[in-house]
């Protein structure tokens, strides 16, 4: 069985319907029985396209479910409260970063949202993605800034301890 170019096949079916309507508009009389036979033949020819559309719909729903599961797992990732950070146990920020990196890798593997998710769910999914990632990245950014400031202080203290050579 030769592989069918479904896009071209659909365009030909559309063109046949348009041609029938054009002939009907020009006044070429046709019987209802003839139209029903023609329409039945076109519906039969359209079945592979319908099957592909159904398969794409299922694949998009599965992709959406996988993305929702990833977001739920990211939402479940515990983050320390800002008040608990000062006196509480040290937070393992590297594990948080690893989890975020794993999430991003798994998200990219699911493909671009524009092609893999039902169109009616795209905006809400992208909004939820931003919220989930921001929830993780905001404390990470502040931790990185604090760590960078501490390193700068250590560098300044080390420079003060080293005598100037060559003067």
N, C-alpha and C. Protein backbone atom coordinates (compact mmCIF):
# COMPACT_ATOMS: atom_id res chain seq x y z
N UNK A 1 0.85 -1.18 0.00
CA UNK A 1 0.00 0.00 0.00
C UNK A 1 0.89 1.23 0.00
N UNK A 2 0.75 2.09 -0.99
CA UNK A 2 1.58 3.30 -1.03
C UNK A 2 1.19 4.25 0.11
N UNK A 3 2.19 4.97 0.61
CA UNK A 3 1.94 5.91 1.68
C UNK A 3 1.19 7.11 1.11
N UNK A 4 0.18 7.52 1.84
CA UNK A 4 -0.70 8.58 1.39
C UNK A 4 -0.24 9.91 1.97
N UNK A 5 -0.10 10.91 1.13
CA UNK A 5 0.19 12.26 1.60
C UNK A 5 -1.13 12.85 2.07
N UNK A 6 -1.35 12.82 3.37
CA UNK A 6 -2.67 13.17 3.90
C UNK A 6 -3.01 14.64 3.69
N UNK A 7 -2.03 15.51 3.72
CA UNK A 7 -2.32 16.92 3.50
C UNK A 7 -2.82 17.14 2.08
N UNK A 8 -2.11 16.60 1.09
CA UNK A 8 -2.52 16.75 -0.30
C UNK A 8 -3.86 16.03 -0.54
N UNK A 9 -4.03 14.89 0.11
CA UNK A 9 -5.28 14.13 -0.01
C UNK A 9 -6.46 14.97 0.49
N UNK A 10 -6.28 15.61 1.64
CA UNK A 10 -7.33 16.47 2.19
C UNK A 10 -7.62 17.66 1.30
N UNK A 11 -6.57 18.23 0.73
CA UNK A 11 -6.76 19.37 -0.18
C UNK A 11 -7.54 18.95 -1.43
N UNK A 12 -7.25 17.74 -1.93
CA UNK A 12 -7.99 17.26 -3.11
C UNK A 12 -9.47 17.04 -2.78
N UNK A 13 -9.73 16.49 -1.61
CA UNK A 13 -11.13 16.28 -1.20
C UNK A 13 -11.84 17.63 -1.09
N UNK A 14 -11.17 18.60 -0.48
CA UNK A 14 -11.75 19.93 -0.36
C UNK A 14 -12.00 20.53 -1.74
N UNK A 15 -11.06 20.36 -2.66
CA UNK A 15 -11.22 20.89 -4.02
C UNK A 15 -12.39 20.21 -4.74
N UNK A 16 -12.55 18.91 -4.53
CA UNK A 16 -13.69 18.20 -5.15
C UNK A 16 -15.02 18.74 -4.64
N UNK A 17 -15.10 18.97 -3.32
CA UNK A 17 -16.34 19.53 -2.76
C UNK A 17 -16.59 20.94 -3.33
N UNK A 18 -15.52 21.73 -3.41
CA UNK A 18 -15.67 23.09 -3.94
C UNK A 18 -16.11 23.05 -5.41
N UNK A 19 -15.57 22.11 -6.16
CA UNK A 19 -15.95 21.98 -7.59
C UNK A 19 -17.42 21.60 -7.71
N UNK A 20 -17.87 20.67 -6.85
CA UNK A 20 -19.28 20.27 -6.87
C UNK A 20 -20.17 21.48 -6.59
N UNK A 21 -19.81 22.28 -5.59
CA UNK A 21 -20.60 23.47 -5.24
C UNK A 21 -20.59 24.48 -6.39
N UNK A 22 -19.44 24.61 -7.03
CA UNK A 22 -19.34 25.54 -8.16
C UNK A 22 -20.26 25.10 -9.30
N UNK A 23 -20.25 23.80 -9.61
CA UNK A 23 -21.14 23.30 -10.66
C UNK A 23 -22.60 23.47 -10.26
N UNK A 24 -22.89 23.26 -8.99
CA UNK A 24 -24.25 23.44 -8.49
C UNK A 24 -24.67 24.91 -8.61
N UNK A 25 -23.75 25.82 -8.33
CA UNK A 25 -24.04 27.25 -8.42
C UNK A 25 -24.25 27.68 -9.86
N UNK A 26 -23.53 27.06 -10.79
CA UNK A 26 -23.66 27.41 -12.20
C UNK A 26 -24.95 26.89 -12.81
N UNK A 27 -25.67 26.08 -12.05
CA UNK A 27 -26.96 25.63 -12.52
C UNK A 27 -27.00 24.23 -13.07
N UNK A 28 -25.94 23.49 -12.96
CA UNK A 28 -25.95 22.10 -13.41
C UNK A 28 -26.76 21.31 -12.40
N UNK A 29 -27.93 20.95 -12.79
CA UNK A 29 -28.85 20.27 -11.88
C UNK A 29 -28.32 18.88 -11.56
N UNK A 30 -28.45 18.52 -10.27
CA UNK A 30 -28.07 17.17 -9.87
C UNK A 30 -29.11 16.65 -8.89
N UNK A 31 -29.24 15.37 -8.86
CA UNK A 31 -30.23 14.77 -7.97
C UNK A 31 -29.64 14.61 -6.57
N UNK A 32 -30.52 14.47 -5.60
CA UNK A 32 -30.11 14.25 -4.22
C UNK A 32 -29.37 12.92 -4.09
N UNK A 33 -29.81 11.91 -4.82
CA UNK A 33 -29.16 10.60 -4.75
C UNK A 33 -27.73 10.69 -5.27
N UNK A 34 -27.51 11.46 -6.33
CA UNK A 34 -26.16 11.62 -6.88
C UNK A 34 -25.25 12.35 -5.87
N UNK A 35 -25.80 13.40 -5.23
CA UNK A 35 -25.02 14.11 -4.21
C UNK A 35 -24.68 13.18 -3.04
N UNK A 36 -25.61 12.37 -2.62
CA UNK A 36 -25.37 11.46 -1.49
C UNK A 36 -24.30 10.43 -1.84
N UNK A 37 -24.29 9.92 -3.07
CA UNK A 37 -23.24 8.98 -3.49
C UNK A 37 -21.87 9.68 -3.51
N UNK A 38 -21.84 10.90 -4.05
CA UNK A 38 -20.61 11.67 -4.10
C UNK A 38 -20.10 11.97 -2.69
N UNK A 39 -21.00 12.41 -1.82
CA UNK A 39 -20.63 12.73 -0.45
C UNK A 39 -20.15 11.49 0.30
N UNK A 40 -20.78 10.36 0.10
CA UNK A 40 -20.36 9.10 0.74
C UNK A 40 -18.96 8.71 0.28
N UNK A 41 -18.69 8.89 -1.01
CA UNK A 41 -17.36 8.56 -1.53
C UNK A 41 -16.30 9.48 -0.92
N UNK A 42 -16.62 10.77 -0.78
CA UNK A 42 -15.67 11.69 -0.17
C UNK A 42 -15.46 11.39 1.31
N UNK A 43 -16.51 10.99 2.01
CA UNK A 43 -16.38 10.63 3.42
C UNK A 43 -15.50 9.39 3.58
N UNK A 44 -15.66 8.45 2.67
CA UNK A 44 -14.83 7.25 2.69
C UNK A 44 -13.36 7.62 2.42
N UNK A 45 -13.15 8.52 1.49
CA UNK A 45 -11.79 8.95 1.16
C UNK A 45 -11.17 9.76 2.31
N UNK A 46 -12.01 10.37 3.13
CA UNK A 46 -11.53 11.22 4.23
C UNK A 46 -11.17 10.41 5.48
N UNK A 47 -11.50 9.15 5.53
CA UNK A 47 -11.26 8.32 6.72
C UNK A 47 -9.80 8.31 7.18
N UNK A 48 -8.82 8.17 6.29
CA UNK A 48 -7.42 8.20 6.78
C UNK A 48 -7.06 9.52 7.45
N UNK A 49 -7.62 10.61 6.94
CA UNK A 49 -7.35 11.92 7.53
C UNK A 49 -8.02 12.01 8.90
N UNK A 50 -9.23 11.51 9.01
CA UNK A 50 -9.92 11.49 10.29
C UNK A 50 -9.16 10.66 11.31
N UNK A 51 -8.64 9.53 10.86
CA UNK A 51 -7.87 8.66 11.76
C UNK A 51 -6.61 9.38 12.24
N UNK A 52 -5.96 10.09 11.34
CA UNK A 52 -4.76 10.84 11.73
C UNK A 52 -5.12 11.95 12.72
N UNK A 53 -6.21 12.66 12.49
CA UNK A 53 -6.64 13.72 13.39
C UNK A 53 -6.95 13.15 14.77
N UNK A 54 -7.61 12.00 14.80
CA UNK A 54 -7.94 11.36 16.08
C UNK A 54 -6.66 10.93 16.81
N UNK A 55 -5.71 10.39 16.07
CA UNK A 55 -4.44 9.97 16.69
C UNK A 55 -3.67 11.18 17.22
N UNK A 56 -3.68 12.28 16.47
CA UNK A 56 -3.01 13.50 16.94
C UNK A 56 -3.69 14.05 18.18
N UNK A 57 -5.00 13.98 18.22
CA UNK A 57 -5.74 14.47 19.38
C UNK A 57 -5.37 13.65 20.62
N UNK A 58 -5.30 12.34 20.48
CA UNK A 58 -4.93 11.47 21.59
C UNK A 58 -3.49 11.75 22.02
N UNK A 59 -2.59 11.91 21.06
CA UNK A 59 -1.19 12.18 21.38
C UNK A 59 -1.05 13.52 22.10
N UNK A 60 -1.79 14.51 21.69
CA UNK A 60 -1.74 15.82 22.35
C UNK A 60 -2.29 15.74 23.78
N UNK A 61 -3.36 14.97 23.96
CA UNK A 61 -3.91 14.79 25.31
C UNK A 61 -2.91 14.06 26.20
N UNK A 62 -2.23 13.05 25.66
CA UNK A 62 -1.22 12.31 26.42
C UNK A 62 -0.05 13.23 26.78
N UNK A 63 0.35 14.08 25.84
CA UNK A 63 1.44 15.01 26.09
C UNK A 63 1.04 16.01 27.17
N UNK A 64 -0.19 16.49 27.11
CA UNK A 64 -0.68 17.41 28.13
C UNK A 64 -0.68 16.74 29.49
N UNK A 65 -1.11 15.50 29.56
CA UNK A 65 -1.13 14.77 30.83
C UNK A 65 0.29 14.59 31.37
N UNK A 66 1.24 14.31 30.50
CA UNK A 66 2.63 14.16 30.93
C UNK A 66 3.18 15.48 31.46
N UNK A 67 2.84 16.57 30.80
CA UNK A 67 3.29 17.88 31.25
C UNK A 67 2.65 18.25 32.59
N UNK A 68 1.38 17.92 32.73
CA UNK A 68 0.69 18.18 34.01
C UNK A 68 1.35 17.38 35.13
N UNK A 69 1.74 16.15 34.85
CA UNK A 69 2.41 15.33 35.86
C UNK A 69 3.77 15.93 36.23
N UNK A 70 4.50 16.43 35.25
CA UNK A 70 5.78 17.09 35.54
C UNK A 70 5.59 18.32 36.41
N UNK A 71 4.57 19.11 36.09
CA UNK A 71 4.29 20.31 36.88
C UNK A 71 3.86 19.95 38.30
N UNK A 72 3.08 18.90 38.44
CA UNK A 72 2.67 18.46 39.77
C UNK A 72 3.88 18.02 40.59
N UNK A 73 4.81 17.32 39.96
CA UNK A 73 6.02 16.90 40.66
C UNK A 73 6.86 18.11 41.06
N UNK A 74 6.93 19.12 40.20
CA UNK A 74 7.68 20.32 40.53
C UNK A 74 6.99 21.09 41.65
N UNK A 75 5.67 21.13 41.62
CA UNK A 75 4.91 21.77 42.70
C UNK A 75 5.14 21.07 44.04
N UNK A 76 5.33 19.77 43.99
CA UNK A 76 5.51 19.00 45.22
C UNK A 76 6.91 19.14 45.79
N UNK A 77 7.83 19.72 45.04
CA UNK A 77 9.19 19.90 45.53
C UNK A 77 9.16 20.88 46.70
N UNK A 78 9.57 20.43 47.88
CA UNK A 78 9.50 21.32 49.05
C UNK A 78 10.60 22.38 49.01
N UNK A 79 10.21 23.58 49.35
CA UNK A 79 11.17 24.68 49.47
C UNK A 79 11.10 25.21 50.89
N UNK A 80 12.22 25.65 51.43
CA UNK A 80 12.21 26.18 52.79
C UNK A 80 11.52 27.54 52.85
N UNK A 81 10.91 27.81 53.96
CA UNK A 81 10.32 29.12 54.19
C UNK A 81 11.45 30.12 54.42
N UNK A 82 11.31 31.36 54.00
CA UNK A 82 12.38 32.34 54.21
C UNK A 82 12.74 32.51 55.68
N UNK A 83 11.77 32.42 56.58
CA UNK A 83 12.06 32.59 58.00
C UNK A 83 12.81 31.38 58.55
N UNK A 84 12.56 30.20 57.98
CA UNK A 84 13.20 28.99 58.47
C UNK A 84 14.64 28.86 57.99
N UNK A 85 15.00 29.60 56.95
CA UNK A 85 16.35 29.48 56.39
C UNK A 85 17.41 29.99 57.35
N UNK A 86 17.12 31.05 58.08
CA UNK A 86 18.14 31.68 58.91
C UNK A 86 18.58 30.79 60.07
N UNK A 87 17.62 30.23 60.79
CA UNK A 87 17.99 29.45 61.95
C UNK A 87 17.88 27.96 61.75
N UNK A 88 17.26 27.54 60.68
CA UNK A 88 17.01 26.12 60.46
C UNK A 88 18.20 25.43 59.82
N UNK A 89 18.00 24.17 59.47
CA UNK A 89 19.08 23.42 58.83
C UNK A 89 19.36 23.98 57.43
N UNK A 90 20.58 23.76 56.98
CA UNK A 90 21.00 24.25 55.67
C UNK A 90 20.20 23.55 54.57
N UNK A 91 19.84 24.32 53.57
CA UNK A 91 19.07 23.81 52.45
C UNK A 91 20.04 23.26 51.41
N UNK A 92 19.73 22.11 50.86
CA UNK A 92 20.56 21.52 49.81
C UNK A 92 20.12 22.11 48.47
N UNK A 93 20.70 23.29 48.16
CA UNK A 93 20.31 24.00 46.95
C UNK A 93 20.75 23.25 45.70
N UNK A 94 21.79 22.47 45.80
CA UNK A 94 22.23 21.72 44.62
C UNK A 94 21.20 20.68 44.23
N UNK A 95 20.59 20.04 45.21
CA UNK A 95 19.55 19.06 44.86
C UNK A 95 18.33 19.77 44.26
N UNK A 96 18.03 20.96 44.76
CA UNK A 96 16.93 21.74 44.18
C UNK A 96 17.25 22.09 42.73
N UNK A 97 18.49 22.51 42.48
CA UNK A 97 18.90 22.83 41.11
C UNK A 97 18.85 21.59 40.22
N UNK A 98 19.29 20.45 40.75
CA UNK A 98 19.25 19.21 39.95
C UNK A 98 17.81 18.85 39.59
N UNK A 99 16.92 18.98 40.56
CA UNK A 99 15.51 18.67 40.28
C UNK A 99 14.94 19.61 39.23
N UNK A 100 15.28 20.88 39.32
CA UNK A 100 14.82 21.84 38.33
C UNK A 100 15.40 21.53 36.96
N UNK A 101 16.67 21.15 36.90
CA UNK A 101 17.29 20.77 35.63
C UNK A 101 16.64 19.52 35.05
N UNK A 102 16.35 18.54 35.90
CA UNK A 102 15.66 17.32 35.42
C UNK A 102 14.29 17.67 34.86
N UNK A 103 13.59 18.55 35.56
CA UNK A 103 12.28 18.98 35.09
C UNK A 103 12.39 19.63 33.71
N UNK A 104 13.33 20.56 33.57
CA UNK A 104 13.48 21.28 32.29
C UNK A 104 13.85 20.32 31.15
N UNK A 105 14.70 19.36 31.44
CA UNK A 105 15.08 18.38 30.42
C UNK A 105 13.87 17.54 30.01
N UNK A 106 13.12 17.05 30.98
CA UNK A 106 11.93 16.25 30.67
C UNK A 106 10.89 17.08 29.92
N UNK A 107 10.76 18.35 30.27
CA UNK A 107 9.81 19.24 29.59
C UNK A 107 10.21 19.42 28.13
N UNK A 108 11.51 19.64 27.88
CA UNK A 108 11.97 19.82 26.49
C UNK A 108 11.79 18.55 25.68
N UNK A 109 11.97 17.39 26.31
CA UNK A 109 11.81 16.13 25.59
C UNK A 109 10.38 15.93 25.10
N UNK A 110 9.42 16.59 25.72
CA UNK A 110 8.03 16.46 25.29
C UNK A 110 7.73 17.28 24.04
N UNK A 111 8.67 18.06 23.59
CA UNK A 111 8.50 18.81 22.35
C UNK A 111 7.93 20.20 22.59
N UNK A 112 7.86 20.99 21.51
CA UNK A 112 7.33 22.35 21.65
C UNK A 112 5.84 22.33 21.95
N UNK A 113 5.42 23.20 22.84
CA UNK A 113 4.03 23.26 23.26
C UNK A 113 3.10 23.52 22.07
N UNK A 114 3.55 24.35 21.14
CA UNK A 114 2.71 24.75 20.00
C UNK A 114 2.26 23.56 19.17
N UNK A 115 3.05 22.49 19.15
CA UNK A 115 2.75 21.35 18.29
C UNK A 115 2.27 20.12 19.06
N UNK A 116 2.44 20.11 20.38
CA UNK A 116 2.21 18.87 21.11
C UNK A 116 1.10 18.95 22.14
N UNK A 117 0.51 20.11 22.33
CA UNK A 117 -0.52 20.30 23.35
C UNK A 117 -1.78 20.85 22.67
N UNK A 118 -2.96 20.42 23.10
CA UNK A 118 -4.19 20.99 22.52
C UNK A 118 -4.19 22.51 22.65
N UNK A 119 -4.63 23.18 21.63
CA UNK A 119 -4.53 24.65 21.59
C UNK A 119 -5.30 25.31 22.73
N UNK A 120 -6.40 24.73 23.15
CA UNK A 120 -7.20 25.35 24.21
C UNK A 120 -6.50 25.28 25.57
N UNK A 121 -5.50 24.44 25.73
CA UNK A 121 -4.80 24.29 27.01
C UNK A 121 -3.45 25.00 27.04
N UNK A 122 -3.02 25.56 25.94
CA UNK A 122 -1.66 26.12 25.86
C UNK A 122 -1.43 27.29 26.80
N UNK A 123 -2.32 28.26 26.78
CA UNK A 123 -2.11 29.47 27.60
C UNK A 123 -2.07 29.15 29.08
N UNK A 124 -3.02 28.37 29.55
CA UNK A 124 -3.05 28.04 30.97
C UNK A 124 -1.84 27.19 31.36
N UNK A 125 -1.41 26.31 30.46
CA UNK A 125 -0.24 25.47 30.73
C UNK A 125 1.03 26.33 30.82
N UNK A 126 1.18 27.27 29.91
CA UNK A 126 2.36 28.14 29.95
C UNK A 126 2.35 29.03 31.20
N UNK A 127 1.18 29.48 31.60
CA UNK A 127 1.07 30.28 32.82
C UNK A 127 1.47 29.44 34.03
N UNK A 128 0.97 28.23 34.09
CA UNK A 128 1.31 27.34 35.22
C UNK A 128 2.80 27.01 35.21
N UNK A 129 3.38 26.82 34.03
CA UNK A 129 4.81 26.56 33.93
C UNK A 129 5.61 27.72 34.51
N UNK A 130 5.26 28.95 34.11
CA UNK A 130 5.96 30.12 34.63
C UNK A 130 5.86 30.20 36.16
N UNK A 131 4.66 29.95 36.69
CA UNK A 131 4.47 30.03 38.13
C UNK A 131 5.29 28.97 38.86
N UNK A 132 5.28 27.74 38.34
CA UNK A 132 6.02 26.66 39.00
C UNK A 132 7.53 26.90 38.96
N UNK A 133 8.03 27.31 37.82
CA UNK A 133 9.46 27.54 37.68
C UNK A 133 9.88 28.76 38.51
N UNK A 134 9.07 29.81 38.50
CA UNK A 134 9.40 31.00 39.29
C UNK A 134 9.42 30.68 40.78
N UNK A 135 8.55 29.81 41.22
CA UNK A 135 8.50 29.41 42.63
C UNK A 135 9.82 28.78 43.06
N UNK A 136 10.46 28.06 42.14
CA UNK A 136 11.74 27.41 42.44
C UNK A 136 12.90 28.37 42.20
N UNK A 137 12.86 29.10 41.09
CA UNK A 137 14.00 29.93 40.71
C UNK A 137 14.17 31.17 41.57
N UNK A 138 13.09 31.74 42.10
CA UNK A 138 13.21 32.95 42.91
C UNK A 138 14.08 32.72 44.15
N UNK A 139 13.83 31.68 44.95
CA UNK A 139 14.72 31.47 46.09
C UNK A 139 16.14 31.09 45.65
N UNK A 140 16.25 30.38 44.54
CA UNK A 140 17.58 30.04 44.04
C UNK A 140 18.36 31.31 43.68
N UNK A 141 17.71 32.23 43.01
CA UNK A 141 18.37 33.49 42.63
C UNK A 141 18.84 34.25 43.86
N UNK A 142 17.97 34.34 44.86
CA UNK A 142 18.37 35.07 46.07
C UNK A 142 19.52 34.34 46.76
N UNK A 143 19.48 33.01 46.78
CA UNK A 143 20.58 32.25 47.38
C UNK A 143 21.87 32.49 46.60
N UNK A 144 21.82 32.51 45.29
CA UNK A 144 23.00 32.77 44.47
C UNK A 144 23.57 34.16 44.75
N UNK A 145 22.69 35.14 44.91
CA UNK A 145 23.15 36.50 45.18
C UNK A 145 23.84 36.58 46.54
N UNK A 146 23.26 35.92 47.54
CA UNK A 146 23.88 35.91 48.87
C UNK A 146 25.22 35.20 48.81
N UNK A 147 25.28 34.06 48.11
CA UNK A 147 26.53 33.31 48.00
C UNK A 147 27.59 34.13 47.26
N UNK A 148 27.19 34.85 46.22
CA UNK A 148 28.15 35.68 45.49
C UNK A 148 28.68 36.81 46.37
N UNK A 149 27.81 37.42 47.17
CA UNK A 149 28.25 38.49 48.07
C UNK A 149 29.23 37.93 49.11
N UNK A 150 28.95 36.74 49.63
CA UNK A 150 29.87 36.13 50.59
C UNK A 150 31.22 35.84 49.96
N UNK A 151 31.22 35.37 48.75
CA UNK A 151 32.48 35.11 48.05
C UNK A 151 33.26 36.40 47.83
N UNK A 152 32.55 37.46 47.47
CA UNK A 152 33.23 38.76 47.28
C UNK A 152 33.87 39.22 48.58
N UNK A 153 33.17 39.01 49.69
CA UNK A 153 33.74 39.38 50.99
C UNK A 153 34.99 38.56 51.30
N UNK A 154 34.92 37.26 51.01
CA UNK A 154 36.08 36.40 51.25
C UNK A 154 37.27 36.82 50.38
N UNK A 155 36.98 37.16 49.16
CA UNK A 155 38.04 37.62 48.25
C UNK A 155 38.68 38.90 48.79
N UNK A 156 37.83 39.83 49.24
CA UNK A 156 38.35 41.09 49.78
C UNK A 156 39.19 40.83 51.02
N UNK A 157 38.76 39.94 51.89
CA UNK A 157 39.54 39.61 53.09
C UNK A 157 40.85 38.94 52.71
N UNK A 158 40.83 38.05 51.72
CA UNK A 158 42.06 37.39 51.29
C UNK A 158 43.03 38.39 50.68
N UNK A 159 42.52 39.34 49.90
CA UNK A 159 43.37 40.36 49.31
C UNK A 159 44.01 41.22 50.39
N UNK A 160 43.26 41.47 51.46
CA UNK A 160 43.81 42.29 52.55
C UNK A 160 44.91 41.55 53.29
N UNK A 161 44.85 40.24 53.32
CA UNK A 161 45.86 39.44 54.02
C UNK A 161 47.14 39.27 53.22
N UNK A 162 47.04 39.37 51.93
CA UNK A 162 48.21 39.17 51.08
C UNK A 162 48.97 40.50 51.00
N UNK A 163 50.24 40.49 51.41
CA UNK A 163 51.01 41.75 51.31
C UNK A 163 51.27 42.09 49.84
N UNK A 164 51.30 43.34 49.59
CA UNK A 164 51.56 43.76 48.22
C UNK A 164 53.00 43.44 47.86
N UNK A 165 53.16 42.72 46.78
CA UNK A 165 54.48 42.28 46.34
C UNK A 165 54.98 43.26 45.28
N UNK A 166 56.24 43.62 45.39
CA UNK A 166 56.83 44.44 44.35
C UNK A 166 56.85 45.90 44.66
N UNK A 167 56.44 46.34 45.81
CA UNK A 167 56.49 47.77 46.12
C UNK A 167 57.54 48.08 47.11
